[in-house]
Amino acid sequence: MSSSLPNYDDPTRRLLTAREAAEVAHVTPACIRQWVRRGYLTPTASYRRGKKVHLFLESHILKVERDRRVRQRQVSTTADSSSTEPLSS
């Protein structure tokens, strides 16, 4: 008999709080909040538990983290190549 329960181990379905998202992305919860303010990340759902709590899809967190890491590498590579250019007299 097949179970119709959703697979919550699937990152496309798993909802995380900012603290859990930070653990997955290896950043701080403040970094997750900053990604939201800058528009890199959008909460999938929200609820009130004393204060407003945002929930994020794990797959979105992983994509933003990967994109940020790639951009940082591109910036550092560009900075390294420009510092090794010979100076013109």
PDB file of N, CA and C in Angstrom:
ATOM      1  N   MET A   1       0.845  -1.172   0.000  1.00  0.00           N
ATOM      2  CA  MET A   1       0.000   0.000   0.000  1.00  0.00           C
ATOM      3  C   MET A   1       0.897   1.244   0.000  1.00  0.00           C
ATOM      4  N   SER A   2       0.596   2.182  -0.850  1.00  0.00           N
ATOM      5  CA  SER A   2       1.361   3.407  -1.001  1.00  0.00           C
ATOM      6  C   SER A   2       0.862   4.473  -0.020  1.00  0.00           C
ATOM      7  N   SER A   3       1.804   5.176   0.599  1.00  0.00           N
ATOM      8  CA  SER A   3       1.453   6.238   1.537  1.00  0.00           C
ATOM      9  C   SER A   3       1.296   7.553   0.785  1.00  0.00           C
ATOM     10  N   SER A   4       0.276   8.322   1.135  1.00  0.00           N
ATOM     11  CA  SER A   4       0.059   9.600   0.468  1.00  0.00           C
ATOM     12  C   SER A   4       0.626  10.776   1.270  1.00  0.00           C
ATOM     13  N   LEU A   5       1.408  10.477   2.310  1.00  0.00           N
ATOM     14  CA  LEU A   5       2.012  11.540   3.101  1.00  0.00           C
ATOM     15  C   LEU A   5       3.127  12.212   2.312  1.00  0.00           C
ATOM     16  N   PRO A   6       3.251  13.537   2.437  1.00  0.00           N
ATOM     17  CA  PRO A   6       4.322  14.234   1.709  1.00  0.00           C
ATOM     18  C   PRO A   6       5.688  13.876   2.281  1.00  0.00           C
ATOM     19  N   ASN A   7       6.696  13.929   1.453  1.00  0.00           N
ATOM     20  CA  ASN A   7       8.065  13.658   1.869  1.00  0.00           C
ATOM     21  C   ASN A   7       8.693  14.959   2.376  1.00  0.00           C
ATOM     22  N   TYR A   8       8.770  15.122   3.704  1.00  0.00           N
ATOM     23  CA  TYR A   8       9.292  16.360   4.284  1.00  0.00           C
ATOM     24  C   TYR A   8      10.817  16.395   4.297  1.00  0.00           C
ATOM     25  N   ASP A   9      11.463  15.314   3.878  1.00  0.00           N
ATOM     26  CA  ASP A   9      12.917  15.340   3.735  1.00  0.00           C
ATOM     27  C   ASP A   9      13.320  16.006   2.430  1.00  0.00           C
ATOM     28  N   ASP A  10      12.366  16.207   1.553  1.00  0.00           N
ATOM     29  CA  ASP A  10      12.600  16.848   0.262  1.00  0.00           C
ATOM     30  C   ASP A  10      12.775  18.351   0.475  1.00  0.00           C
ATOM     31  N   PRO A  11      13.937  18.938   0.087  1.00  0.00           N
ATOM     32  CA  PRO A  11      14.171  20.375   0.320  1.00  0.00           C
ATOM     33  C   PRO A  11      13.189  21.299  -0.390  1.00  0.00           C
ATOM     34  N   THR A  12      12.480  20.795  -1.404  1.00  0.00           N
ATOM     35  CA  THR A  12      11.514  21.643  -2.089  1.00  0.00           C
ATOM     36  C   THR A  12      10.224  21.783  -1.297  1.00  0.00           C
ATOM     37  N   ARG A  13      10.056  20.991  -0.240  1.00  0.00           N
ATOM     38  CA  ARG A  13       8.835  21.022   0.560  1.00  0.00           C
ATOM     39  C   ARG A  13       9.073  21.413   2.023  1.00  0.00           C
ATOM     40  N   ARG A  14      10.302  21.413   2.458  1.00  0.00           N
ATOM     41  CA  ARG A  14      10.605  21.638   3.866  1.00  0.00           C
ATOM     42  C   ARG A  14      10.603  23.120   4.202  1.00  0.00           C
ATOM     43  N   LEU A  15       9.782  23.527   5.166  1.00  0.00           N
ATOM     44  CA  LEU A  15       9.725  24.921   5.615  1.00  0.00           C
ATOM     45  C   LEU A  15      10.611  25.091   6.844  1.00  0.00           C
ATOM     46  N   LEU A  16      11.401  26.163   6.837  1.00  0.00           N
ATOM     47  CA  LEU A  16      12.342  26.436   7.923  1.00  0.00           C
ATOM     48  C   LEU A  16      12.136  27.835   8.477  1.00  0.00           C
ATOM     49  N   THR A  17      12.368  27.990   9.774  1.00  0.00           N
ATOM     50  CA  THR A  17      12.391  29.323  10.382  1.00  0.00           C
ATOM     51  C   THR A  17      13.716  29.977  10.004  1.00  0.00           C
ATOM     52  N   ALA A  18      13.876  31.245  10.316  1.00  0.00           N
ATOM     53  CA  ALA A  18      15.125  31.951  10.009  1.00  0.00           C
ATOM     54  C   ALA A  18      16.305  31.294  10.716  1.00  0.00           C
ATOM     55  N   ARG A  19      16.110  30.856  11.939  1.00  0.00           N
ATOM     56  CA  ARG A  19      17.194  30.209  12.689  1.00  0.00           C
ATOM     57  C   ARG A  19      17.586  28.880  12.026  1.00  0.00           C
ATOM     58  N   GLU A  20      16.588  28.078  11.640  1.00  0.00           N
ATOM     59  CA  GLU A  20      16.877  26.807  10.971  1.00  0.00           C
ATOM     60  C   GLU A  20      17.508  27.041   9.605  1.00  0.00           C
ATOM     61  N   ALA A  21      17.023  28.052   8.897  1.00  0.00           N
ATOM     62  CA  ALA A  21      17.572  28.392   7.580  1.00  0.00           C
ATOM     63  C   ALA A  21      19.038  28.802   7.704  1.00  0.00           C
ATOM     64  N   ALA A  22      19.351  29.554   8.747  1.00  0.00           N
ATOM     65  CA  ALA A  22      20.728  29.986   8.971  1.00  0.00           C
ATOM     66  C   ALA A  22      21.641  28.787   9.205  1.00  0.00           C
ATOM     67  N   GLU A  23      21.156  27.798   9.946  1.00  0.00           N
ATOM     68  CA  GLU A  23      21.959  26.593  10.188  1.00  0.00           C
ATOM     69  C   GLU A  23      22.229  25.850   8.880  1.00  0.00           C
ATOM     70  N   VAL A  24      21.206  25.731   8.042  1.00  0.00           N
ATOM     71  CA  VAL A  24      21.347  25.027   6.763  1.00  0.00           C
ATOM     72  C   VAL A  24      22.339  25.755   5.861  1.00  0.00           C
ATOM     73  N   ALA A  25      22.278  27.084   5.822  1.00  0.00           N
ATOM     74  CA  ALA A  25      23.131  27.884   4.933  1.00  0.00           C
ATOM     75  C   ALA A  25      24.487  28.223   5.551  1.00  0.00           C
ATOM     76  N   HIS A  26      24.698  27.836   6.811  1.00  0.00           N
ATOM     77  CA  HIS A  26      25.952  28.132   7.521  1.00  0.00           C
ATOM     78  C   HIS A  26      26.210  29.629   7.625  1.00  0.00           C
ATOM     79  N   VAL A  27      25.148  30.365   7.952  1.00  0.00           N
ATOM     80  CA  VAL A  27      25.231  31.811   8.184  1.00  0.00           C
ATOM     81  C   VAL A  27      24.485  32.104   9.486  1.00  0.00           C
ATOM     82  N   THR A  28      24.415  33.368   9.867  1.00  0.00           N
ATOM     83  CA  THR A  28      23.683  33.746  11.072  1.00  0.00           C
ATOM     84  C   THR A  28      22.229  34.071  10.735  1.00  0.00           C
ATOM     85  N   PRO A  29      21.328  34.008  11.726  1.00  0.00           N
ATOM     86  CA  PRO A  29      19.944  34.425  11.475  1.00  0.00           C
ATOM     87  C   PRO A  29      19.865  35.881  10.992  1.00  0.00           C
ATOM     88  N   ALA A  30      20.773  36.731  11.462  1.00  0.00           N
ATOM     89  CA  ALA A  30      20.797  38.128  11.006  1.00  0.00           C
ATOM     90  C   ALA A  30      21.088  38.202   9.512  1.00  0.00           C
ATOM     91  N   CYS A  31      21.917  37.304   9.013  1.00  0.00           N
ATOM     92  CA  CYS A  31      22.222  37.258   7.581  1.00  0.00           C
ATOM     93  C   CYS A  31      20.971  36.883   6.792  1.00  0.00           C
ATOM     94  N   ILE A  32      20.191  35.935   7.295  1.00  0.00           N
ATOM     95  CA  ILE A  32      18.944  35.545   6.635  1.00  0.00           C
ATOM     96  C   ILE A  32      18.001  36.747   6.580  1.00  0.00           C
ATOM     97  N   ARG A  33      17.875  37.472   7.687  1.00  0.00           N
ATOM     98  CA  ARG A  33      17.006  38.662   7.706  1.00  0.00           C
ATOM     99  C   ARG A  33      17.506  39.713   6.721  1.00  0.00           C
ATOM    100  N   GLN A  34      18.814  39.845   6.607  1.00  0.00           N
ATOM    101  CA  GLN A  34      19.379  40.809   5.661  1.00  0.00           C
ATOM    102  C   GLN A  34      19.101  40.381   4.221  1.00  0.00           C
ATOM    103  N   TRP A  35      19.163  39.097   3.932  1.00  0.00           N
ATOM    104  CA  TRP A  35      18.832  38.608   2.585  1.00  0.00           C
ATOM    105  C   TRP A  35      17.391  38.957   2.240  1.00  0.00           C
ATOM    106  N   VAL A  36      16.505  38.883   3.237  1.00  0.00           N
ATOM    107  CA  VAL A  36      15.093  39.236   3.007  1.00  0.00           C
ATOM    108  C   VAL A  36      14.984  40.731   2.714  1.00  0.00           C
ATOM    109  N   ARG A  37      15.644  41.564   3.544  1.00  0.00           N
ATOM    110  CA  ARG A  37      15.592  43.029   3.339  1.00  0.00           C
ATOM    111  C   ARG A  37      16.149  43.424   1.974  1.00  0.00           C
ATOM    112  N   ARG A  38      17.195  42.755   1.530  1.00  0.00           N
ATOM    113  CA  ARG A  38      17.823  43.087   0.244  1.00  0.00           C
ATOM    114  C   ARG A  38      17.094  42.484  -0.948  1.00  0.00           C
ATOM    115  N   GLY A  39      16.104  41.640  -0.688  1.00  0.00           N
ATOM    116  CA  GLY A  39      15.314  41.072  -1.766  1.00  0.00           C
ATOM    117  C   GLY A  39      15.874  39.794  -2.363  1.00  0.00           C
ATOM    118  N   TYR A  40      16.924  39.225  -1.760  1.00  0.00           N
ATOM    119  CA  TYR A  40      17.485  37.978  -2.261  1.00  0.00           C
ATOM    120  C   TYR A  40      16.591  36.789  -1.925  1.00  0.00           C
ATOM    121  N   LEU A  41      15.807  36.917  -0.850  1.00  0.00           N
ATOM    122  CA  LEU A  41      15.023  35.813  -0.326  1.00  0.00           C
ATOM    123  C   LEU A  41      13.647  36.325   0.068  1.00  0.00           C
ATOM    124  N   THR A  42      12.619  35.553  -0.236  1.00  0.00           N
ATOM    125  CA  THR A  42      11.249  35.924   0.108  1.00  0.00           C
ATOM    126  C   THR A  42      10.646  34.828   0.975  1.00  0.00           C
ATOM    127  N   PRO A  43      10.030  35.184   2.110  1.00  0.00           N
ATOM    128  CA  PRO A  43       9.386  34.155   2.937  1.00  0.00           C
ATOM    129  C   PRO A  43       8.261  33.481   2.163  1.00  0.00           C
ATOM    130  N   THR A  44       8.142  32.180   2.348  1.00  0.00           N
ATOM    131  CA  THR A  44       7.073  31.414   1.716  1.00  0.00           C
ATOM    132  C   THR A  44       5.786  31.529   2.513  1.00  0.00           C
ATOM    133  N   ALA A  45       5.918  31.622   3.840  1.00  0.00           N
ATOM    134  CA  ALA A  45       4.750  31.729   4.720  1.00  0.00           C
ATOM    135  C   ALA A  45       5.164  32.508   5.959  1.00  0.00           C
ATOM    136  N   SER A  46       4.178  33.010   6.692  1.00  0.00           N
ATOM    137  CA  SER A  46       4.411  33.729   7.942  1.00  0.00           C
ATOM    138  C   SER A  46       3.298  33.399   8.920  1.00  0.00           C
ATOM    139  N   TYR A  47       3.610  33.491  10.199  1.00  0.00           N
ATOM    140  CA  TYR A  47       2.582  33.354  11.227  1.00  0.00           C
ATOM    141  C   TYR A  47       3.015  34.146  12.444  1.00  0.00           C
ATOM    142  N   ARG A  48       2.071  34.394  13.339  1.00  0.00           N
ATOM    143  CA  ARG A  48       2.361  35.142  14.564  1.00  0.00           C
ATOM    144  C   ARG A  48       2.443  34.188  15.735  1.00  0.00           C
ATOM    145  N   ARG A  49       3.513  34.315  16.474  1.00  0.00           N
ATOM    146  CA  ARG A  49       3.687  33.572  17.718  1.00  0.00           C
ATOM    147  C   ARG A  49       4.345  34.548  18.689  1.00  0.00           C
ATOM    148  N   GLY A  50       3.552  35.514  19.150  1.00  0.00           N
ATOM    149  CA  GLY A  50       4.111  36.618  19.916  1.00  0.00           C
ATOM    150  C   GLY A  50       4.664  37.663  18.965  1.00  0.00           C
ATOM    151  N   LYS A  51       5.589  37.255  18.143  1.00  0.00           N
ATOM    152  CA  LYS A  51       6.117  38.119  17.080  1.00  0.00           C
ATOM    153  C   LYS A  51       5.966  37.383  15.757  1.00  0.00           C
ATOM    154  N   LYS A  52       6.112  38.101  14.680  1.00  0.00           N
ATOM    155  CA  LYS A  52       5.922  37.503  13.358  1.00  0.00           C
ATOM    156  C   LYS A  52       7.091  36.564  13.039  1.00  0.00           C
ATOM    157  N   VAL A  53       6.777  35.365  12.597  1.00  0.00           N
ATOM    158  CA  VAL A  53       7.775  34.367  12.232  1.00  0.00           C
ATOM    159  C   VAL A  53       7.632  34.073  10.748  1.00  0.00           C
ATOM    160  N   HIS A  54       8.727  34.196  10.025  1.00  0.00           N
ATOM    161  CA  HIS A  54       8.724  33.881   8.594  1.00  0.00           C
ATOM    162  C   HIS A  54       9.219  32.450   8.400  1.00  0.00           C
ATOM    163  N   LEU A  55       8.651  31.788   7.402  1.00  0.00           N
ATOM    164  CA  LEU A  55       9.087  30.446   7.033  1.00  0.00           C
ATOM    165  C   LEU A  55       9.610  30.477   5.601  1.00  0.00           C
ATOM    166  N   PHE A  56      10.683  29.735   5.379  1.00  0.00           N
ATOM    167  CA  PHE A  56      11.353  29.721   4.083  1.00  0.00           C
ATOM    168  C   PHE A  56      11.479  28.297   3.583  1.00  0.00           C
ATOM    169  N   LEU A  57      11.345  28.105   2.273  1.00  0.00           N
ATOM    170  CA  LEU A  57      11.590  26.793   1.697  1.00  0.00           C
ATOM    171  C   LEU A  57      13.093  26.516   1.720  1.00  0.00           C
ATOM    172  N   GLU A  58      13.455  25.329   2.139  1.00  0.00           N
ATOM    173  CA  GLU A  58      14.866  24.968   2.228  1.00  0.00           C
ATOM    174  C   GLU A  58      15.556  25.095   0.867  1.00  0.00           C
ATOM    175  N   SER A  59      14.868  24.722  -0.193  1.00  0.00           N
ATOM    176  CA  SER A  59      15.471  24.816  -1.529  1.00  0.00           C
ATOM    177  C   SER A  59      15.792  26.263  -1.897  1.00  0.00           C
ATOM    178  N   HIS A  60      14.958  27.221  -1.468  1.00  0.00           N
ATOM    179  CA  HIS A  60      15.224  28.643  -1.737  1.00  0.00           C
ATOM    180  C   HIS A  60      16.456  29.107  -0.962  1.00  0.00           C
ATOM    181  N   ILE A  61      16.555  28.680   0.285  1.00  0.00           N
ATOM    182  CA  ILE A  61      17.708  29.053   1.111  1.00  0.00           C
ATOM    183  C   ILE A  61      18.994  28.549   0.459  1.00  0.00           C
ATOM    184  N   LEU A  62      18.986  27.299   0.038  1.00  0.00           N
ATOM    185  CA  LEU A  62      20.182  26.716  -0.569  1.00  0.00           C
ATOM    186  C   LEU A  62      20.557  27.408  -1.873  1.00  0.00           C
ATOM    187  N   LYS A  63      19.561  27.810  -2.655  1.00  0.00           N
ATOM    188  CA  LYS A  63      19.832  28.511  -3.920  1.00  0.00           C
ATOM    189  C   LYS A  63      20.437  29.889  -3.660  1.00  0.00           C
ATOM    190  N   VAL A  64      19.870  30.641  -2.731  1.00  0.00           N
ATOM    191  CA  VAL A  64      20.398  31.975  -2.416  1.00  0.00           C
ATOM    192  C   VAL A  64      21.811  31.856  -1.869  1.00  0.00           C
ATOM    193  N   GLU A  65      22.039  30.888  -0.990  1.00  0.00           N
ATOM    194  CA  GLU A  65      23.372  30.713  -0.412  1.00  0.00           C
ATOM    195  C   GLU A  65      24.382  30.381  -1.508  1.00  0.00           C
ATOM    196  N   ARG A  66      24.009  29.509  -2.438  1.00  0.00           N
ATOM    197  CA  ARG A  66      24.897  29.142  -3.536  1.00  0.00           C
ATOM    198  C   ARG A  66      25.173  30.350  -4.438  1.00  0.00           C
ATOM    199  N   ASP A  67      24.125  31.112  -4.757  1.00  0.00           N
ATOM    200  CA  ASP A  67      24.288  32.301  -5.601  1.00  0.00           C
ATOM    201  C   ASP A  67      25.198  33.332  -4.938  1.00  0.00           C
ATOM    202  N   ARG A  68      25.038  33.532  -3.650  1.00  0.00           N
ATOM    203  CA  ARG A  68      25.872  34.500  -2.924  1.00  0.00           C
ATOM    204  C   ARG A  68      27.328  34.042  -2.928  1.00  0.00           C
ATOM    205  N   ARG A  69      27.556  32.743  -2.733  1.00  0.00           N
ATOM    206  CA  ARG A  69      28.911  32.205  -2.716  1.00  0.00           C
ATOM    207  C   ARG A  69      29.575  32.370  -4.083  1.00  0.00           C
ATOM    208  N   VAL A  70      28.834  32.120  -5.157  1.00  0.00           N
ATOM    209  CA  VAL A  70      29.369  32.269  -6.519  1.00  0.00           C
ATOM    210  C   VAL A  70      29.721  33.729  -6.780  1.00  0.00           C
ATOM    211  N   ARG A  71      28.827  34.648  -6.389  1.00  0.00           N
ATOM    212  CA  ARG A  71      29.101  36.078  -6.585  1.00  0.00           C
ATOM    213  C   ARG A  71      30.340  36.525  -5.817  1.00  0.00           C
ATOM    214  N   GLN A  72      30.506  36.028  -4.594  1.00  0.00           N
ATOM    215  CA  GLN A  72      31.678  36.406  -3.804  1.00  0.00           C
ATOM    216  C   GLN A  72      32.958  35.922  -4.469  1.00  0.00           C
ATOM    217  N   ARG A  73      32.921  34.715  -5.038  1.00  0.00           N
ATOM    218  CA  ARG A  73      34.099  34.198  -5.744  1.00  0.00           C
ATOM    219  C   ARG A  73      34.423  35.050  -6.963  1.00  0.00           C
ATOM    220  N   GLN A  74      33.385  35.476  -7.695  1.00  0.00           N
ATOM    221  CA  GLN A  74      33.604  36.299  -8.887  1.00  0.00           C
ATOM    222  C   GLN A  74      34.222  37.631  -8.493  1.00  0.00           C
ATOM    223  N   VAL A  75      33.755  38.227  -7.422  1.00  0.00           N
ATOM    224  CA  VAL A  75      34.284  39.514  -6.969  1.00  0.00           C
ATOM    225  C   VAL A  75      35.729  39.353  -6.517  1.00  0.00           C
ATOM    226  N   SER A  76      36.024  38.308  -5.755  1.00  0.00           N
ATOM    227  CA  SER A  76      37.396  38.122  -5.274  1.00  0.00           C
ATOM    228  C   SER A  76      38.338  37.780  -6.426  1.00  0.00           C
ATOM    229  N   THR A  77      37.866  37.041  -7.422  1.00  0.00           N
ATOM    230  CA  THR A  77      38.686  36.725  -8.592  1.00  0.00           C
ATOM    231  C   THR A  77      38.982  37.985  -9.384  1.00  0.00           C
ATOM    232  N   THR A  78      37.986  38.846  -9.553  1.00  0.00           N
ATOM    233  CA  THR A  78      38.168  40.110 -10.267  1.00  0.00           C
ATOM    234  C   THR A  78      39.147  41.006  -9.519  1.00  0.00           C
ATOM    235  N   ALA A  79      39.022  41.066  -8.208  1.00  0.00           N
ATOM    236  CA  ALA A  79      39.912  41.902  -7.400  1.00  0.00           C
ATOM    237  C   ALA A  79      41.344  41.353  -7.464  1.00  0.00           C
ATOM    238  N   ASP A  80      41.511  40.033  -7.444  1.00  0.00           N
ATOM    239  CA  ASP A  80      42.837  39.443  -7.519  1.00  0.00           C
ATOM    240  C   ASP A  80      43.494  39.711  -8.880  1.00  0.00           C
ATOM    241  N   SER A  81      42.735  39.590  -9.950  1.00  0.00           N
ATOM    242  CA  SER A  81      43.307  39.802 -11.278  1.00  0.00           C
ATOM    243  C   SER A  81      43.666  41.254 -11.514  1.00  0.00           C
ATOM    244  N   SER A  82      42.900  42.186 -10.958  1.00  0.00           N
ATOM    245  CA  SER A  82      43.222  43.603 -11.157  1.00  0.00           C
ATOM    246  C   SER A  82      44.430  44.026 -10.338  1.00  0.00           C
ATOM    247  N   SER A  83      44.696  43.340  -9.224  1.00  0.00           N
ATOM    248  CA  SER A  83      45.854  43.711  -8.410  1.00  0.00           C
ATOM    249  C   SER A  83      47.154  43.155  -8.989  1.00  0.00           C
ATOM    250  N   THR A  84      47.070  42.183  -9.894  1.00  0.00           N
ATOM    251  CA  THR A  84      48.284  41.616 -10.486  1.00  0.00           C
ATOM    252  C   THR A  84      48.630  42.239 -11.828  1.00  0.00           C
ATOM    253  N   GLU A  85      47.812  43.177 -12.301  1.00  0.00           N
ATOM    254  CA  GLU A  85      48.123  43.838 -13.574  1.00  0.00           C
ATOM    255  C   GLU A  85      49.337  44.742 -13.403  1.00  0.00           C
ATOM    256  N   PRO A  86      50.218  44.777 -14.393  1.00  0.00           N
ATOM    257  CA  PRO A  86      51.399  45.650 -14.285  1.00  0.00           C
ATOM    258  C   PRO A  86      50.982  47.126 -14.301  1.00  0.00           C
ATOM    259  N   LEU A  87      51.686  47.918 -13.567  1.00  0.00           N
ATOM    260  CA  LEU A  87      51.416  49.350 -13.520  1.00  0.00           C
ATOM    261  C   LEU A  87      52.038  50.015 -14.746  1.00  0.00           C
ATOM    262  N   SER A  88      51.304  50.890 -15.375  1.00  0.00           N
ATOM    263  CA  SER A  88      51.852  51.600 -16.537  1.00  0.00           C
ATOM    264  C   SER A  88      52.519  52.873 -16.066  1.00  0.00           C
ATOM    265  N   SER A  89      53.603  53.250 -16.737  1.00  0.00           N
ATOM    266  CA  SER A  89      54.352  54.445 -16.324  1.00  0.00           C
ATOM    267  C   SER A  89      53.882  55.661 -17.053  1.00  0.00           C
TER     268      SER A  89
END
